[in-house]
N, C-alpha and C. Protein backbone atom coordinates (compact mmCIF):
# COMPACT_ATOMS: atom_id res chain seq x y z
N UNK A 1 28.24 2.89 10.13
CA UNK A 1 26.97 2.06 9.73
C UNK A 1 26.81 0.17 9.55
N UNK A 2 27.85 0.51 8.60
CA UNK A 2 27.59 -1.28 8.29
C UNK A 2 27.45 -2.57 8.83
N UNK A 3 28.42 -1.83 9.56
CA UNK A 3 29.34 -2.63 11.03
C UNK A 3 28.50 -3.97 11.94
N UNK A 4 27.58 -2.82 11.90
CA UNK A 4 26.70 -3.44 13.41
C UNK A 4 24.75 -3.51 12.56
N UNK A 5 25.36 -3.45 11.45
CA UNK A 5 23.55 -3.16 10.75
C UNK A 5 23.79 -5.00 10.57
N UNK A 6 22.25 -5.13 10.25
CA UNK A 6 21.90 -6.90 10.56
C UNK A 6 22.21 -6.88 9.19
N UNK A 7 22.11 -5.78 7.95
CA UNK A 7 21.91 -5.82 6.27
C UNK A 7 22.53 -4.50 5.65
N UNK A 8 23.55 -4.59 5.83
CA UNK A 8 24.92 -3.33 6.41
C UNK A 8 24.50 -2.90 4.16
N UNK A 9 24.94 -1.48 4.14
CA UNK A 9 24.77 -0.92 2.85
C UNK A 9 26.38 -2.09 2.62
N UNK A 10 26.25 -1.80 1.11
CA UNK A 10 27.97 -2.56 0.29
C UNK A 10 27.01 -1.83 -1.30
N UNK A 11 27.91 -2.04 -1.36
CA UNK A 11 28.45 -1.63 -2.71
C UNK A 11 27.52 -2.55 -3.68
N UNK A 12 26.90 -2.98 -4.77
CA UNK A 12 26.81 -3.34 -5.20
C UNK A 12 25.97 -3.88 -6.54
N UNK A 13 26.31 -5.09 -7.51
CA UNK A 13 25.25 -5.05 -9.04
C UNK A 13 24.22 -5.07 -8.54
N UNK A 14 23.28 -4.32 -9.11
CA UNK A 14 22.05 -4.25 -9.23
C UNK A 14 21.51 -5.05 -10.40
N UNK A 15 21.30 -6.29 -10.90
CA UNK A 15 20.00 -6.53 -12.16
C UNK A 15 19.15 -5.92 -12.68
N UNK A 16 18.83 -5.39 -13.58
CA UNK A 16 17.63 -4.85 -14.20
C UNK A 16 17.07 -5.43 -14.94
N UNK A 17 15.77 -5.66 -15.31
CA UNK A 17 14.86 -6.75 -16.81
C UNK A 17 14.72 -5.98 -17.38
N UNK A 18 15.45 -4.42 -18.01
CA UNK A 18 14.79 -4.04 -19.05
C UNK A 18 15.95 -3.70 -20.29
N UNK A 19 17.36 -4.36 -19.89
CA UNK A 19 18.27 -3.96 -20.88
C UNK A 19 18.74 -5.07 -20.52
N UNK A 20 19.98 -5.10 -21.79
CA UNK A 20 21.63 -6.43 -21.32
C UNK A 20 22.65 -5.56 -20.02
N UNK A 21 22.24 -3.93 -19.53
CA UNK A 21 23.60 -4.22 -18.16
C UNK A 21 23.00 -4.01 -17.54
N UNK A 22 24.10 -4.04 -16.19
CA UNK A 22 24.10 -4.24 -15.20
C UNK A 22 23.98 -2.25 -14.42
N UNK A 23 23.37 -2.02 -13.11
CA UNK A 23 23.79 -1.07 -12.53
C UNK A 23 23.77 -1.12 -11.29
N UNK A 24 25.53 -0.49 -11.17
CA UNK A 24 26.35 -0.46 -9.72
C UNK A 24 26.07 0.82 -8.76
N UNK A 25 24.93 -0.18 -7.90
CA UNK A 25 24.51 1.77 -6.81
C UNK A 25 26.28 1.95 -5.79
N UNK A 26 26.12 3.24 -5.05
CA UNK A 26 27.37 3.55 -4.49
C UNK A 26 26.93 2.23 -3.31
N UNK A 27 24.98 2.38 -2.62
CA UNK A 27 25.15 1.48 -1.14
C UNK A 27 24.12 1.06 -1.37
N UNK A 28 23.60 -0.31 -1.44
CA UNK A 28 22.29 -1.18 -1.41
C UNK A 28 22.12 -2.06 -0.03
N UNK A 29 20.70 -1.69 0.42
CA UNK A 29 19.97 -2.36 2.13
C UNK A 29 19.53 -3.50 0.41
N UNK A 30 19.58 -4.85 0.48
CA UNK A 30 18.25 -5.51 -0.12
C UNK A 30 17.47 -5.78 0.65
N UNK A 31 17.60 -6.13 2.41
CA UNK A 31 16.20 -6.26 2.77
C UNK A 31 15.20 -4.96 2.83
N UNK A 32 15.96 -3.63 2.22
CA UNK A 32 14.98 -2.36 2.64
C UNK A 32 14.41 -1.54 1.24
N UNK A 33 15.23 -2.67 0.00
CA UNK A 33 15.54 -2.38 -1.08
C UNK A 33 15.80 -0.60 -1.37
N UNK A 34 16.93 -0.07 -0.68
CA UNK A 34 17.23 0.94 -0.69
C UNK A 34 18.42 1.17 -1.57
N UNK A 35 18.60 2.13 -2.34
CA UNK A 35 19.84 2.32 -3.40
C UNK A 35 20.21 4.03 -2.41
N UNK A 36 21.76 4.13 -2.16
CA UNK A 36 22.07 5.34 -1.35
C UNK A 36 23.10 5.17 -3.09
N UNK A 37 22.45 7.23 -3.31
CA UNK A 37 23.43 6.76 -4.86
C UNK A 37 24.76 8.09 -4.01
N UNK A 38 26.18 8.29 -3.91
CA UNK A 38 26.88 9.37 -3.94
C UNK A 38 27.13 9.95 -5.54
N UNK A 39 26.81 11.08 -5.32
CA UNK A 39 27.67 11.90 -6.95
C UNK A 39 28.58 13.15 -6.00
N UNK A 40 29.16 12.68 -7.64
CA UNK A 40 30.39 14.15 -7.41
C UNK A 40 30.18 14.96 -9.21
N UNK A 41 30.98 16.22 -8.61
CA UNK A 41 31.05 16.66 -10.16
C UNK A 41 30.23 16.21 -11.07
N UNK A 42 30.68 15.03 -11.69
CA UNK A 42 30.37 15.20 -12.72
C UNK A 42 28.73 14.86 -13.14
N UNK A 43 27.74 14.34 -11.97
CA UNK A 43 26.54 14.45 -12.59
C UNK A 43 25.89 15.32 -12.18
N UNK A 44 26.71 16.39 -12.21
CA UNK A 44 25.55 17.90 -12.22
C UNK A 44 25.53 18.57 -14.52
N UNK A 45 26.53 17.29 -14.80
CA UNK A 45 26.37 18.65 -16.73
C UNK A 45 24.81 17.29 -16.06
N UNK A 46 24.21 18.54 -17.32
CA UNK A 46 22.60 17.92 -17.96
C UNK A 46 22.62 16.69 -18.47
N UNK A 47 23.61 15.94 -19.66
CA UNK A 47 23.50 14.93 -20.11
C UNK A 47 23.78 13.91 -19.30
N UNK A 48 24.62 14.03 -17.57
CA UNK A 48 25.01 13.05 -16.67
C UNK A 48 23.56 13.07 -15.86
N UNK A 49 23.06 14.28 -15.83
CA UNK A 49 21.39 14.85 -14.90
C UNK A 49 19.96 13.87 -16.05
N UNK A 50 19.83 13.50 -17.23
CA UNK A 50 19.66 12.74 -17.78
C UNK A 50 19.35 11.32 -17.94
N UNK A 51 20.53 10.94 -17.66
CA UNK A 51 21.36 9.67 -17.83
C UNK A 51 21.05 8.65 -16.25
N UNK A 52 20.72 9.55 -14.76
CA UNK A 52 21.20 9.23 -13.88
C UNK A 52 19.39 9.23 -13.32
N UNK A 53 18.48 10.31 -14.07
CA UNK A 53 17.00 9.98 -13.98
C UNK A 53 16.70 8.88 -14.49
N UNK A 54 17.29 8.21 -16.12
CA UNK A 54 17.10 6.97 -16.50
C UNK A 54 17.53 5.79 -15.56
N UNK A 55 18.17 6.34 -14.92
CA UNK A 55 18.45 4.50 -14.41
C UNK A 55 17.82 4.68 -13.30
N UNK A 56 18.10 5.97 -12.45
CA UNK A 56 17.33 5.76 -11.44
C UNK A 56 15.69 5.19 -11.83
N UNK A 57 14.86 5.38 -12.25
CA UNK A 57 13.65 5.35 -13.13
C UNK A 57 13.34 4.28 -13.58
N UNK A 58 15.19 3.15 -14.43
CA UNK A 58 14.80 1.32 -14.41
C UNK A 58 14.58 0.68 -12.96
N UNK A 59 15.81 1.74 -12.70
CA UNK A 59 15.91 0.77 -10.82
C UNK A 59 14.62 0.91 -9.24
N UNK A 60 13.58 1.88 -10.60
CA UNK A 60 12.04 2.22 -9.46
C UNK A 60 10.80 1.08 -10.11
N UNK A 61 11.09 1.14 -11.83
CA UNK A 61 10.70 -0.34 -12.02
C UNK A 61 11.24 -1.74 -11.09
N UNK A 62 11.91 -1.80 -11.10
CA UNK A 62 12.19 -2.90 -10.24
C UNK A 62 12.73 -3.12 -9.30
N UNK A 63 11.60 -2.45 -8.37
CA UNK A 63 10.97 -2.44 -7.62
C UNK A 63 12.24 -1.06 -6.15
N UNK A 64 12.72 -0.76 -6.29
CA UNK A 64 14.12 -0.24 -5.66
C UNK A 64 13.77 1.67 -5.52
N UNK A 65 13.95 1.76 -3.67
CA UNK A 65 13.84 3.02 -4.07
C UNK A 65 15.11 3.61 -3.54
N UNK A 66 15.33 5.29 -4.59
CA UNK A 66 16.95 5.52 -4.80
C UNK A 66 17.13 7.59 -4.58
N UNK A 67 17.34 6.73 -2.86
CA UNK A 67 18.54 8.75 -2.81
C UNK A 67 19.60 8.82 -3.19
N UNK A 68 19.36 10.20 -3.32
CA UNK A 68 21.05 10.57 -3.93
C UNK A 68 21.62 11.87 -3.12
N UNK A 69 22.27 11.98 -2.83
CA UNK A 69 23.58 12.55 -1.81
C UNK A 69 24.26 13.27 -2.62
N UNK A 70 25.03 14.41 -2.74
CA UNK A 70 25.87 15.29 -3.15
C UNK A 70 27.14 14.73 -2.62
N UNK A 71 28.57 14.32 -2.70
CA UNK A 71 30.07 13.78 -2.08
C UNK A 71 29.94 16.01 -1.15
N UNK A 72 30.30 16.34 -1.95
CA UNK A 72 29.66 18.21 -0.82
C UNK A 72 29.02 17.93 0.55
N UNK A 73 27.66 17.08 0.14
CA UNK A 73 27.08 17.16 1.53
C UNK A 73 27.61 16.00 2.21
N UNK A 74 28.35 14.80 1.89
CA UNK A 74 28.90 14.06 2.93
C UNK A 74 29.53 14.23 3.41
N UNK A 75 30.91 14.80 2.51
CA UNK A 75 32.23 15.58 2.98
C UNK A 75 31.19 16.90 4.69
N UNK A 76 30.88 17.91 3.97
CA UNK A 76 30.34 19.02 5.03
C UNK A 76 29.17 19.07 5.66
N UNK A 77 27.69 18.05 6.03
CA UNK A 77 27.12 17.59 6.49
C UNK A 77 26.54 15.96 6.62
N UNK A 78 27.38 15.61 7.07
CA UNK A 78 27.62 14.50 7.27
C UNK A 78 26.14 14.11 8.01
N UNK A 79 27.15 15.13 8.99
CA UNK A 79 25.20 14.43 10.44
C UNK A 79 23.98 14.02 9.27
N UNK A 80 23.91 15.88 8.80
CA UNK A 80 22.19 15.40 8.20
C UNK A 80 22.59 14.11 6.95
N UNK A 81 23.68 14.00 6.22
CA UNK A 81 22.88 12.69 5.24
C UNK A 81 22.58 11.74 6.45
N UNK A 82 23.23 11.60 7.05
CA UNK A 82 23.29 10.33 7.58
C UNK A 82 21.97 10.37 8.58
N UNK A 83 21.43 11.25 9.06
CA UNK A 83 19.89 11.53 9.86
C UNK A 83 18.88 11.52 8.50
N UNK A 84 19.25 11.95 7.13
CA UNK A 84 18.43 11.06 5.76
C UNK A 84 17.99 9.90 5.85
N UNK A 85 19.64 9.09 5.76
CA UNK A 85 18.99 7.94 5.70
C UNK A 85 18.27 6.83 6.56
N UNK A 86 18.82 8.38 7.20
CA UNK A 86 18.21 6.95 8.99
C UNK A 86 16.67 7.05 8.66
N UNK A 87 16.39 8.31 9.02
CA UNK A 87 15.07 8.56 7.92
C UNK A 87 14.05 8.21 7.62
N UNK A 88 14.97 7.60 6.19
CA UNK A 88 14.60 7.23 5.31
C UNK A 88 13.76 5.55 5.07
N UNK A 89 15.19 5.04 6.10
CA UNK A 89 15.15 3.26 6.29
C UNK A 89 14.60 2.93 7.91
N UNK A 90 14.41 3.78 8.47
CA UNK A 90 12.92 3.68 9.74
C UNK A 90 11.37 3.71 8.66
N UNK A 91 11.43 4.70 8.19
CA UNK A 91 10.22 4.93 6.84
C UNK A 91 9.90 3.12 6.46
N UNK A 92 10.92 2.76 5.67
CA UNK A 92 11.08 1.76 5.36
C UNK A 92 10.85 0.72 5.69
N UNK A 93 11.24 0.06 7.10
CA UNK A 93 10.44 -0.45 8.16
C UNK A 93 10.06 -0.66 8.72
N UNK A 94 9.31 0.86 8.52
CA UNK A 94 7.90 0.76 9.01
C UNK A 94 6.39 0.14 8.30
N UNK A 95 7.78 0.44 7.13
CA UNK A 95 5.62 0.06 6.19
C UNK A 95 6.14 -0.49 4.71
N UNK A 96 7.06 -1.96 5.79
CA UNK A 96 6.86 -3.50 4.54
C UNK A 96 5.50 -3.92 4.56
C-alpha cells in the first residue's frame, strides 16, 4: 500500500494543540487527514478505552479522522481491513 502511493501511510508523531504532549499514530495520511490505529489486547481495558477515546477526540478536534482496527482483524481478516481503509480513502478523496 505505501510503496506505490504518492502519500504513503507512515507511523508519525502528530502534534496537537491542546496540551504539551504529542500523539504517535500507527499510520497517517497527511493529504487525507486520516489516522489509522491498530490496537492490541491492552486497548480492551476500560481505562485504555477511555484514554483512546479522549485521544481520538483531540485528534478529531485537530482536523484528523481516526479509524481503528484490532490486531486480530488485521491478522485474520486482512482483506476486509484493507477494503475498509480503501473505502475511507476513496470517500475522503471524493469529499475534499
